[in-house]
Amino acid sequence: MQTTRLSSKGQVIIPKAIRLACHLNVGQELDVEITAEGILLKTKPVLPKTSVNDLIGCTGYQGKAKSLEEMAEGIRRGILNDWGKHDSD
């Protein structure tokens, strides 16, 4: 077990051996929880940066490309359907 100390600013230094073993880097975000045994630090997953182009096709849709108007109409119909209304209302 390694020991560290709380600074006057409330900062804790994670020992280098632990940072290396856990692959922690500068700027890594950690979740902090209070548990029955004390304070638990958990790493937040680092997600790769993505762009809209990286996401195109992720829905598995294989049909003809929809226009923005067609997508808006589909959303409108879905909302009306979810709220129990019909086009004739």
PDB file of N, CA and C in Angstrom:
ATOM      1  N   MET A   1       0.848  -1.169   0.000  1.00  0.00           N
ATOM      2  CA  MET A   1       0.000   0.000   0.000  1.00  0.00           C
ATOM      3  C   MET A   1       0.901   1.242   0.000  1.00  0.00           C
ATOM      4  N   GLN A   2       0.503   2.248  -0.778  1.00  0.00           N
ATOM      5  CA  GLN A   2       1.255   3.491  -0.821  1.00  0.00           C
ATOM      6  C   GLN A   2       0.483   4.580  -0.092  1.00  0.00           C
ATOM      7  N   THR A   3       1.191   5.590   0.349  1.00  0.00           N
ATOM      8  CA  THR A   3       0.572   6.677   1.102  1.00  0.00           C
ATOM      9  C   THR A   3       0.780   7.989   0.367  1.00  0.00           C
ATOM     10  N   THR A   4      -0.192   8.874   0.479  1.00  0.00           N
ATOM     11  CA  THR A   4      -0.086  10.210  -0.084  1.00  0.00           C
ATOM     12  C   THR A   4      -0.600  11.199   0.946  1.00  0.00           C
ATOM     13  N   ARG A   5      -0.538  12.470   0.630  1.00  0.00           N
ATOM     14  CA  ARG A   5      -0.934  13.493   1.596  1.00  0.00           C
ATOM     15  C   ARG A   5      -1.848  14.505   0.912  1.00  0.00           C
ATOM     16  N   LEU A   6      -2.811  15.020   1.645  1.00  0.00           N
ATOM     17  CA  LEU A   6      -3.732  16.045   1.152  1.00  0.00           C
ATOM     18  C   LEU A   6      -3.060  17.402   1.283  1.00  0.00           C
ATOM     19  N   SER A   7      -3.049  18.192   0.192  1.00  0.00           N
ATOM     20  CA  SER A   7      -2.426  19.517   0.225  1.00  0.00           C
ATOM     21  C   SER A   7      -3.385  20.533   0.851  1.00  0.00           C
ATOM     22  N   SER A   8      -2.875  21.740   1.096  1.00  0.00           N
ATOM     23  CA  SER A   8      -3.713  22.803   1.660  1.00  0.00           C
ATOM     24  C   SER A   8      -4.814  23.219   0.698  1.00  0.00           C
ATOM     25  N   LYS A   9      -4.669  22.873  -0.588  1.00  0.00           N
ATOM     26  CA  LYS A   9      -5.687  23.189  -1.603  1.00  0.00           C
ATOM     27  C   LYS A   9      -6.639  22.013  -1.840  1.00  0.00           C
ATOM     28  N   GLY A  10      -6.525  20.966  -1.042  1.00  0.00           N
ATOM     29  CA  GLY A  10      -7.403  19.813  -1.184  1.00  0.00           C
ATOM     30  C   GLY A  10      -6.975  18.859  -2.287  1.00  0.00           C
ATOM     31  N   GLN A  11      -5.743  18.989  -2.760  1.00  0.00           N
ATOM     32  CA  GLN A  11      -5.250  18.133  -3.842  1.00  0.00           C
ATOM     33  C   GLN A  11      -4.548  16.905  -3.282  1.00  0.00           C
ATOM     34  N   VAL A  12      -4.686  15.806  -4.018  1.00  0.00           N
ATOM     35  CA  VAL A  12      -4.044  14.547  -3.649  1.00  0.00           C
ATOM     36  C   VAL A  12      -3.173  14.115  -4.817  1.00  0.00           C
ATOM     37  N   ILE A  13      -1.944  13.751  -4.534  1.00  0.00           N
ATOM     38  CA  ILE A  13      -1.064  13.239  -5.582  1.00  0.00           C
ATOM     39  C   ILE A  13      -1.186  11.725  -5.597  1.00  0.00           C
ATOM     40  N   ILE A  14      -1.494  11.195  -6.769  1.00  0.00           N
ATOM     41  CA  ILE A  14      -1.550   9.739  -6.921  1.00  0.00           C
ATOM     42  C   ILE A  14      -0.125   9.286  -7.225  1.00  0.00           C
ATOM     43  N   PRO A  15       0.418   8.369  -6.431  1.00  0.00           N
ATOM     44  CA  PRO A  15       1.800   7.939  -6.636  1.00  0.00           C
ATOM     45  C   PRO A  15       2.047   7.457  -8.073  1.00  0.00           C
ATOM     46  N   LYS A  16       3.262   7.723  -8.561  1.00  0.00           N
ATOM     47  CA  LYS A  16       3.616   7.436  -9.946  1.00  0.00           C
ATOM     48  C   LYS A  16       3.381   5.972 -10.320  1.00  0.00           C
ATOM     49  N   ALA A  17       3.730   5.053  -9.451  1.00  0.00           N
ATOM     50  CA  ALA A  17       3.552   3.627  -9.759  1.00  0.00           C
ATOM     51  C   ALA A  17       2.080   3.301 -10.027  1.00  0.00           C
ATOM     52  N   ILE A  18       1.190   3.927  -9.261  1.00  0.00           N
ATOM     53  CA  ILE A  18      -0.246   3.693  -9.451  1.00  0.00           C
ATOM     54  C   ILE A  18      -0.722   4.366 -10.735  1.00  0.00           C
ATOM     55  N   ARG A  19      -0.240   5.607 -11.002  1.00  0.00           N
ATOM     56  CA  ARG A  19      -0.613   6.296 -12.251  1.00  0.00           C
ATOM     57  C   ARG A  19      -0.200   5.464 -13.459  1.00  0.00           C
ATOM     58  N   LEU A  20       1.000   4.909 -13.403  1.00  0.00           N
ATOM     59  CA  LEU A  20       1.473   4.087 -14.523  1.00  0.00           C
ATOM     60  C   LEU A  20       0.654   2.803 -14.652  1.00  0.00           C
ATOM     61  N   ALA A  21       0.398   2.146 -13.532  1.00  0.00           N
ATOM     62  CA  ALA A  21      -0.352   0.882 -13.562  1.00  0.00           C
ATOM     63  C   ALA A  21      -1.773   1.080 -14.077  1.00  0.00           C
ATOM     64  N   CYS A  22      -2.354   2.256 -13.783  1.00  0.00           N
ATOM     65  CA  CYS A  22      -3.742   2.540 -14.194  1.00  0.00           C
ATOM     66  C   CYS A  22      -3.810   3.343 -15.485  1.00  0.00           C
ATOM     67  N   HIS A  23      -2.665   3.607 -16.089  1.00  0.00           N
ATOM     68  CA  HIS A  23      -2.588   4.359 -17.352  1.00  0.00           C
ATOM     69  C   HIS A  23      -3.246   5.730 -17.217  1.00  0.00           C
ATOM     70  N   LEU A  24      -2.985   6.416 -16.105  1.00  0.00           N
ATOM     71  CA  LEU A  24      -3.536   7.751 -15.888  1.00  0.00           C
ATOM     72  C   LEU A  24      -2.622   8.796 -16.522  1.00  0.00           C
ATOM     73  N   ASN A  25      -3.216   9.757 -17.185  1.00  0.00           N
ATOM     74  CA  ASN A  25      -2.467  10.819 -17.829  1.00  0.00           C
ATOM     75  C   ASN A  25      -2.958  12.167 -17.336  1.00  0.00           C
ATOM     76  N   VAL A  26      -2.181  13.199 -17.591  1.00  0.00           N
ATOM     77  CA  VAL A  26      -2.561  14.556 -17.224  1.00  0.00           C
ATOM     78  C   VAL A  26      -3.929  14.870 -17.822  1.00  0.00           C
ATOM     79  N   GLY A  27      -4.803  15.420 -17.022  1.00  0.00           N
ATOM     80  CA  GLY A  27      -6.138  15.782 -17.490  1.00  0.00           C
ATOM     81  C   GLY A  27      -7.170  14.672 -17.371  1.00  0.00           C
ATOM     82  N   GLN A  28      -6.740  13.471 -17.006  1.00  0.00           N
ATOM     83  CA  GLN A  28      -7.676  12.344 -16.858  1.00  0.00           C
ATOM     84  C   GLN A  28      -8.724  12.702 -15.812  1.00  0.00           C
ATOM     85  N   GLU A  29     -10.001  12.502 -16.143  1.00  0.00           N
ATOM     86  CA  GLU A  29     -11.070  12.765 -15.194  1.00  0.00           C
ATOM     87  C   GLU A  29     -11.327  11.530 -14.338  1.00  0.00           C
ATOM     88  N   LEU A  30     -11.610  11.787 -13.073  1.00  0.00           N
ATOM     89  CA  LEU A  30     -11.888  10.714 -12.127  1.00  0.00           C
ATOM     90  C   LEU A  30     -13.221  10.991 -11.444  1.00  0.00           C
ATOM     91  N   ASP A  31     -14.019   9.952 -11.269  1.00  0.00           N
ATOM     92  CA  ASP A  31     -15.236  10.054 -10.466  1.00  0.00           C
ATOM     93  C   ASP A  31     -14.832   9.811  -9.018  1.00  0.00           C
ATOM     94  N   VAL A  32     -15.430  10.553  -8.104  1.00  0.00           N
ATOM     95  CA  VAL A  32     -15.125  10.421  -6.685  1.00  0.00           C
ATOM     96  C   VAL A  32     -16.386   9.986  -5.961  1.00  0.00           C
ATOM     97  N   GLU A  33     -16.274   8.899  -5.190  1.00  0.00           N
ATOM     98  CA  GLU A  33     -17.421   8.386  -4.433  1.00  0.00           C
ATOM     99  C   GLU A  33     -17.021   8.157  -2.984  1.00  0.00           C
ATOM    100  N   ILE A  34     -17.973   8.360  -2.115  1.00  0.00           N
ATOM    101  CA  ILE A  34     -17.776   8.008  -0.711  1.00  0.00           C
ATOM    102  C   ILE A  34     -18.366   6.615  -0.519  1.00  0.00           C
ATOM    103  N   THR A  35     -17.569   5.709   0.021  1.00  0.00           N
ATOM    104  CA  THR A  35     -18.033   4.344   0.270  1.00  0.00           C
ATOM    105  C   THR A  35     -17.902   4.044   1.760  1.00  0.00           C
ATOM    106  N   ALA A  36     -18.365   2.880   2.162  1.00  0.00           N
ATOM    107  CA  ALA A  36     -18.254   2.475   3.563  1.00  0.00           C
ATOM    108  C   ALA A  36     -16.793   2.359   3.986  1.00  0.00           C
ATOM    109  N   GLU A  37     -15.911   2.083   3.020  1.00  0.00           N
ATOM    110  CA  GLU A  37     -14.493   1.911   3.342  1.00  0.00           C
ATOM    111  C   GLU A  37     -13.683   3.191   3.195  1.00  0.00           C
ATOM    112  N   GLY A  38     -14.274   4.240   2.635  1.00  0.00           N
ATOM    113  CA  GLY A  38     -13.532   5.483   2.468  1.00  0.00           C
ATOM    114  C   GLY A  38     -13.870   6.148   1.148  1.00  0.00           C
ATOM    115  N   ILE A  39     -12.884   6.772   0.540  1.00  0.00           N
ATOM    116  CA  ILE A  39     -13.057   7.486  -0.721  1.00  0.00           C
ATOM    117  C   ILE A  39     -12.597   6.597  -1.860  1.00  0.00           C
ATOM    118  N   LEU A  40     -13.414   6.500  -2.891  1.00  0.00           N
ATOM    119  CA  LEU A  40     -13.104   5.685  -4.054  1.00  0.00           C
ATOM    120  C   LEU A  40     -12.948   6.598  -5.271  1.00  0.00           C
ATOM    121  N   LEU A  41     -11.821   6.470  -5.972  1.00  0.00           N
ATOM    122  CA  LEU A  41     -11.595   7.179  -7.231  1.00  0.00           C
ATOM    123  C   LEU A  41     -11.753   6.177  -8.361  1.00  0.00           C
ATOM    124  N   LYS A  42     -12.576   6.537  -9.351  1.00  0.00           N
ATOM    125  CA  LYS A  42     -12.774   5.667 -10.510  1.00  0.00           C
ATOM    126  C   LYS A  42     -12.506   6.482 -11.766  1.00  0.00           C
ATOM    127  N   THR A  43     -11.749   5.899 -12.682  1.00  0.00           N
ATOM    128  CA  THR A  43     -11.455   6.609 -13.922  1.00  0.00           C
ATOM    129  C   THR A  43     -12.703   6.689 -14.784  1.00  0.00           C
ATOM    130  N   LYS A  44     -12.878   7.848 -15.407  1.00  0.00           N
ATOM    131  CA  LYS A  44     -13.951   8.002 -16.382  1.00  0.00           C
ATOM    132  C   LYS A  44     -13.400   7.524 -17.713  1.00  0.00           C
ATOM    133  N   PRO A  45     -14.184   6.817 -18.498  1.00  0.00           N
ATOM    134  CA  PRO A  45     -13.663   6.337 -19.780  1.00  0.00           C
ATOM    135  C   PRO A  45     -13.307   7.502 -20.694  1.00  0.00           C
ATOM    136  N   VAL A  46     -12.203   7.365 -21.380  1.00  0.00           N
ATOM    137  CA  VAL A  46     -11.774   8.373 -22.347  1.00  0.00           C
ATOM    138  C   VAL A  46     -12.323   7.952 -23.702  1.00  0.00           C
ATOM    139  N   LEU A  47     -13.240   8.744 -24.231  1.00  0.00           N
ATOM    140  CA  LEU A  47     -13.848   8.420 -25.514  1.00  0.00           C
ATOM    141  C   LEU A  47     -13.100   9.132 -26.627  1.00  0.00           C
ATOM    142  N   PRO A  48     -12.874   8.447 -27.732  1.00  0.00           N
ATOM    143  CA  PRO A  48     -12.179   9.103 -28.842  1.00  0.00           C
ATOM    144  C   PRO A  48     -13.032  10.220 -29.421  1.00  0.00           C
ATOM    145  N   LYS A  49     -12.373  11.269 -29.911  1.00  0.00           N
ATOM    146  CA  LYS A  49     -13.102  12.353 -30.557  1.00  0.00           C
ATOM    147  C   LYS A  49     -13.718  11.827 -31.837  1.00  0.00           C
ATOM    148  N   THR A  50     -14.963  12.201 -32.086  1.00  0.00           N
ATOM    149  CA  THR A  50     -15.652  11.759 -33.296  1.00  0.00           C
ATOM    150  C   THR A  50     -16.250  12.962 -34.003  1.00  0.00           C
ATOM    151  N   SER A  51     -16.538  12.752 -35.254  1.00  0.00           N
ATOM    152  CA  SER A  51     -17.206  13.786 -36.038  1.00  0.00           C
ATOM    153  C   SER A  51     -18.501  13.194 -36.584  1.00  0.00           C
ATOM    154  N   VAL A  52     -19.316  14.033 -37.189  1.00  0.00           N
ATOM    155  CA  VAL A  52     -20.562  13.554 -37.779  1.00  0.00           C
ATOM    156  C   VAL A  52     -20.257  12.484 -38.822  1.00  0.00           C
ATOM    157  N   ASN A  53     -19.207  12.687 -39.599  1.00  0.00           N
ATOM    158  CA  ASN A  53     -18.855  11.704 -40.627  1.00  0.00           C
ATOM    159  C   ASN A  53     -18.523  10.338 -40.032  1.00  0.00           C
ATOM    160  N   ASP A  54     -17.977  10.312 -38.800  1.00  0.00           N
ATOM    161  CA  ASP A  54     -17.684   9.039 -38.140  1.00  0.00           C
ATOM    162  C   ASP A  54     -18.959   8.292 -37.782  1.00  0.00           C
ATOM    163  N   LEU A  55     -20.052   9.023 -37.608  1.00  0.00           N
ATOM    164  CA  LEU A  55     -21.306   8.420 -37.157  1.00  0.00           C
ATOM    165  C   LEU A  55     -22.242   8.041 -38.286  1.00  0.00           C
ATOM    166  N   ILE A  56     -21.978   8.526 -39.491  1.00  0.00           N
ATOM    167  CA  ILE A  56     -22.857   8.230 -40.621  1.00  0.00           C
ATOM    168  C   ILE A  56     -22.920   6.724 -40.823  1.00  0.00           C
ATOM    169  N   GLY A  57     -24.105   6.229 -40.910  1.00  0.00           N
ATOM    170  CA  GLY A  57     -24.302   4.800 -41.135  1.00  0.00           C
ATOM    171  C   GLY A  57     -24.372   3.978 -39.864  1.00  0.00           C
ATOM    172  N   CYS A  58     -24.240   4.588 -38.687  1.00  0.00           N
ATOM    173  CA  CYS A  58     -24.228   3.803 -37.455  1.00  0.00           C
ATOM    174  C   CYS A  58     -25.600   3.250 -37.097  1.00  0.00           C
ATOM    175  N   THR A  59     -26.673   3.748 -37.720  1.00  0.00           N
ATOM    176  CA  THR A  59     -28.012   3.266 -37.387  1.00  0.00           C
ATOM    177  C   THR A  59     -28.366   1.985 -38.124  1.00  0.00           C
ATOM    178  N   GLY A  60     -27.608   1.648 -39.135  1.00  0.00           N
ATOM    179  CA  GLY A  60     -27.895   0.445 -39.898  1.00  0.00           C
ATOM    180  C   GLY A  60     -28.948   0.631 -40.964  1.00  0.00           C
ATOM    181  N   TYR A  61     -29.444   1.873 -41.141  1.00  0.00           N
ATOM    182  CA  TYR A  61     -30.464   2.146 -42.162  1.00  0.00           C
ATOM    183  C   TYR A  61     -29.879   1.885 -43.541  1.00  0.00           C
ATOM    184  N   GLN A  62     -30.591   1.090 -44.359  1.00  0.00           N
ATOM    185  CA  GLN A  62     -30.092   0.711 -45.675  1.00  0.00           C
ATOM    186  C   GLN A  62     -30.886   1.327 -46.824  1.00  0.00           C
ATOM    187  N   GLY A  63     -31.930   2.065 -46.522  1.00  0.00           N
ATOM    188  CA  GLY A  63     -32.797   2.613 -47.569  1.00  0.00           C
ATOM    189  C   GLY A  63     -32.217   3.866 -48.218  1.00  0.00           C
ATOM    190  N   LYS A  64     -33.046   4.490 -49.050  1.00  0.00           N
ATOM    191  CA  LYS A  64     -32.685   5.727 -49.734  1.00  0.00           C
ATOM    192  C   LYS A  64     -32.482   6.834 -48.702  1.00  0.00           C
ATOM    193  N   ALA A  65     -31.515   7.710 -48.946  1.00  0.00           N
ATOM    194  CA  ALA A  65     -31.260   8.820 -48.029  1.00  0.00           C
ATOM    195  C   ALA A  65     -32.498   9.695 -47.908  1.00  0.00           C
ATOM    196  N   LYS A  66     -32.791  10.150 -46.687  1.00  0.00           N
ATOM    197  CA  LYS A  66     -33.955  10.991 -46.428  1.00  0.00           C
ATOM    198  C   LYS A  66     -33.536  12.457 -46.416  1.00  0.00           C
ATOM    199  N   SER A  67     -34.427  13.317 -46.879  1.00  0.00           N
ATOM    200  CA  SER A  67     -34.179  14.754 -46.810  1.00  0.00           C
ATOM    201  C   SER A  67     -34.485  15.221 -45.392  1.00  0.00           C
ATOM    202  N   LEU A  68     -34.049  16.428 -45.052  1.00  0.00           N
ATOM    203  CA  LEU A  68     -34.361  16.977 -43.737  1.00  0.00           C
ATOM    204  C   LEU A  68     -35.869  17.099 -43.541  1.00  0.00           C
ATOM    205  N   GLU A  69     -36.584  17.453 -44.608  1.00  0.00           N
ATOM    206  CA  GLU A  69     -38.038  17.570 -44.517  1.00  0.00           C
ATOM    207  C   GLU A  69     -38.680  16.215 -44.226  1.00  0.00           C
ATOM    208  N   GLU A  70     -38.196  15.165 -44.895  1.00  0.00           N
ATOM    209  CA  GLU A  70     -38.735  13.823 -44.652  1.00  0.00           C
ATOM    210  C   GLU A  70     -38.440  13.369 -43.221  1.00  0.00           C
ATOM    211  N   MET A  71     -37.240  13.678 -42.717  1.00  0.00           N
ATOM    212  CA  MET A  71     -36.912  13.309 -41.342  1.00  0.00           C
ATOM    213  C   MET A  71     -37.792  14.076 -40.356  1.00  0.00           C
ATOM    214  N   ALA A  72     -37.993  15.367 -40.591  1.00  0.00           N
ATOM    215  CA  ALA A  72     -38.842  16.178 -39.713  1.00  0.00           C
ATOM    216  C   ALA A  72     -40.266  15.644 -39.706  1.00  0.00           C
ATOM    217  N   GLU A  73     -40.783  15.248 -40.860  1.00  0.00           N
ATOM    218  CA  GLU A  73     -42.132  14.699 -40.946  1.00  0.00           C
ATOM    219  C   GLU A  73     -42.225  13.379 -40.184  1.00  0.00           C
ATOM    220  N   GLY A  74     -41.212  12.542 -40.286  1.00  0.00           N
ATOM    221  CA  GLY A  74     -41.203  11.286 -39.541  1.00  0.00           C
ATOM    222  C   GLY A  74     -41.186  11.520 -38.033  1.00  0.00           C
ATOM    223  N   ILE A  75     -40.418  12.498 -37.613  1.00  0.00           N
ATOM    224  CA  ILE A  75     -40.376  12.844 -36.186  1.00  0.00           C
ATOM    225  C   ILE A  75     -41.731  13.366 -35.736  1.00  0.00           C
ATOM    226  N   ARG A  76     -42.343  14.240 -36.552  1.00  0.00           N
ATOM    227  CA  ARG A  76     -43.668  14.787 -36.221  1.00  0.00           C
ATOM    228  C   ARG A  76     -44.685  13.674 -36.052  1.00  0.00           C
ATOM    229  N   ARG A  77     -44.690  12.719 -37.010  1.00  0.00           N
ATOM    230  CA  ARG A  77     -45.644  11.610 -36.923  1.00  0.00           C
ATOM    231  C   ARG A  77     -45.377  10.743 -35.704  1.00  0.00           C
ATOM    232  N   GLY A  78     -44.105  10.528 -35.374  1.00  0.00           N
ATOM    233  CA  GLY A  78     -43.763   9.736 -34.195  1.00  0.00           C
ATOM    234  C   GLY A  78     -44.239  10.385 -32.915  1.00  0.00           C
ATOM    235  N   ILE A  79     -44.071  11.710 -32.827  1.00  0.00           N
ATOM    236  CA  ILE A  79     -44.541  12.427 -31.639  1.00  0.00           C
ATOM    237  C   ILE A  79     -46.049  12.343 -31.524  1.00  0.00           C
ATOM    238  N   LEU A  80     -46.748  12.576 -32.638  1.00  0.00           N
ATOM    239  CA  LEU A  80     -48.212  12.488 -32.615  1.00  0.00           C
ATOM    240  C   LEU A  80     -48.665  11.094 -32.213  1.00  0.00           C
ATOM    241  N   ASN A  81     -47.996  10.082 -32.724  1.00  0.00           N
ATOM    242  CA  ASN A  81     -48.344   8.702 -32.402  1.00  0.00           C
ATOM    243  C   ASN A  81     -48.102   8.414 -30.914  1.00  0.00           C
ATOM    244  N   ASP A  82     -46.965   8.892 -30.382  1.00  0.00           N
ATOM    245  CA  ASP A  82     -46.641   8.664 -28.969  1.00  0.00           C
ATOM    246  C   ASP A  82     -47.624   9.346 -28.036  1.00  0.00           C
ATOM    247  N   TRP A  83     -48.176  10.476 -28.483  1.00  0.00           N
ATOM    248  CA  TRP A  83     -49.099  11.225 -27.636  1.00  0.00           C
ATOM    249  C   TRP A  83     -50.556  10.815 -27.905  1.00  0.00           C
ATOM    250  N   GLY A  84     -50.764   9.791 -28.720  1.00  0.00           N
ATOM    251  CA  GLY A  84     -52.104   9.270 -28.947  1.00  0.00           C
ATOM    252  C   GLY A  84     -52.965  10.125 -29.838  1.00  0.00           C
ATOM    253  N   LYS A  85     -52.358  10.961 -30.651  1.00  0.00           N
ATOM    254  CA  LYS A  85     -53.128  11.794 -31.575  1.00  0.00           C
ATOM    255  C   LYS A  85     -52.948  11.264 -32.987  1.00  0.00           C
ATOM    256  N   HIS A  86     -53.848  11.628 -33.854  1.00  0.00           N
ATOM    257  CA  HIS A  86     -53.785  11.206 -35.251  1.00  0.00           C
ATOM    258  C   HIS A  86     -53.780  12.421 -36.136  1.00  0.00           C
ATOM    259  N   ASP A  87     -53.339  12.254 -37.384  1.00  0.00           N
ATOM    260  CA  ASP A  87     -53.276  13.363 -38.325  1.00  0.00           C
ATOM    261  C   ASP A  87     -54.638  14.049 -38.488  1.00  0.00           C
ATOM    262  N   SER A  88     -55.726  13.309 -38.268  1.00  0.00           N
ATOM    263  CA  SER A  88     -57.060  13.868 -38.470  1.00  0.00           C
ATOM    264  C   SER A  88     -57.524  14.707 -37.276  1.00  0.00           C
ATOM    265  N   ASP A  89     -56.790  14.668 -36.145  1.00  0.00           N
ATOM    266  CA  ASP A  89     -57.204  15.412 -34.935  1.00  0.00           C
ATOM    267  C   ASP A  89     -57.003  16.892 -35.110  1.00  0.00           C
TER     268      ASP A  89
END
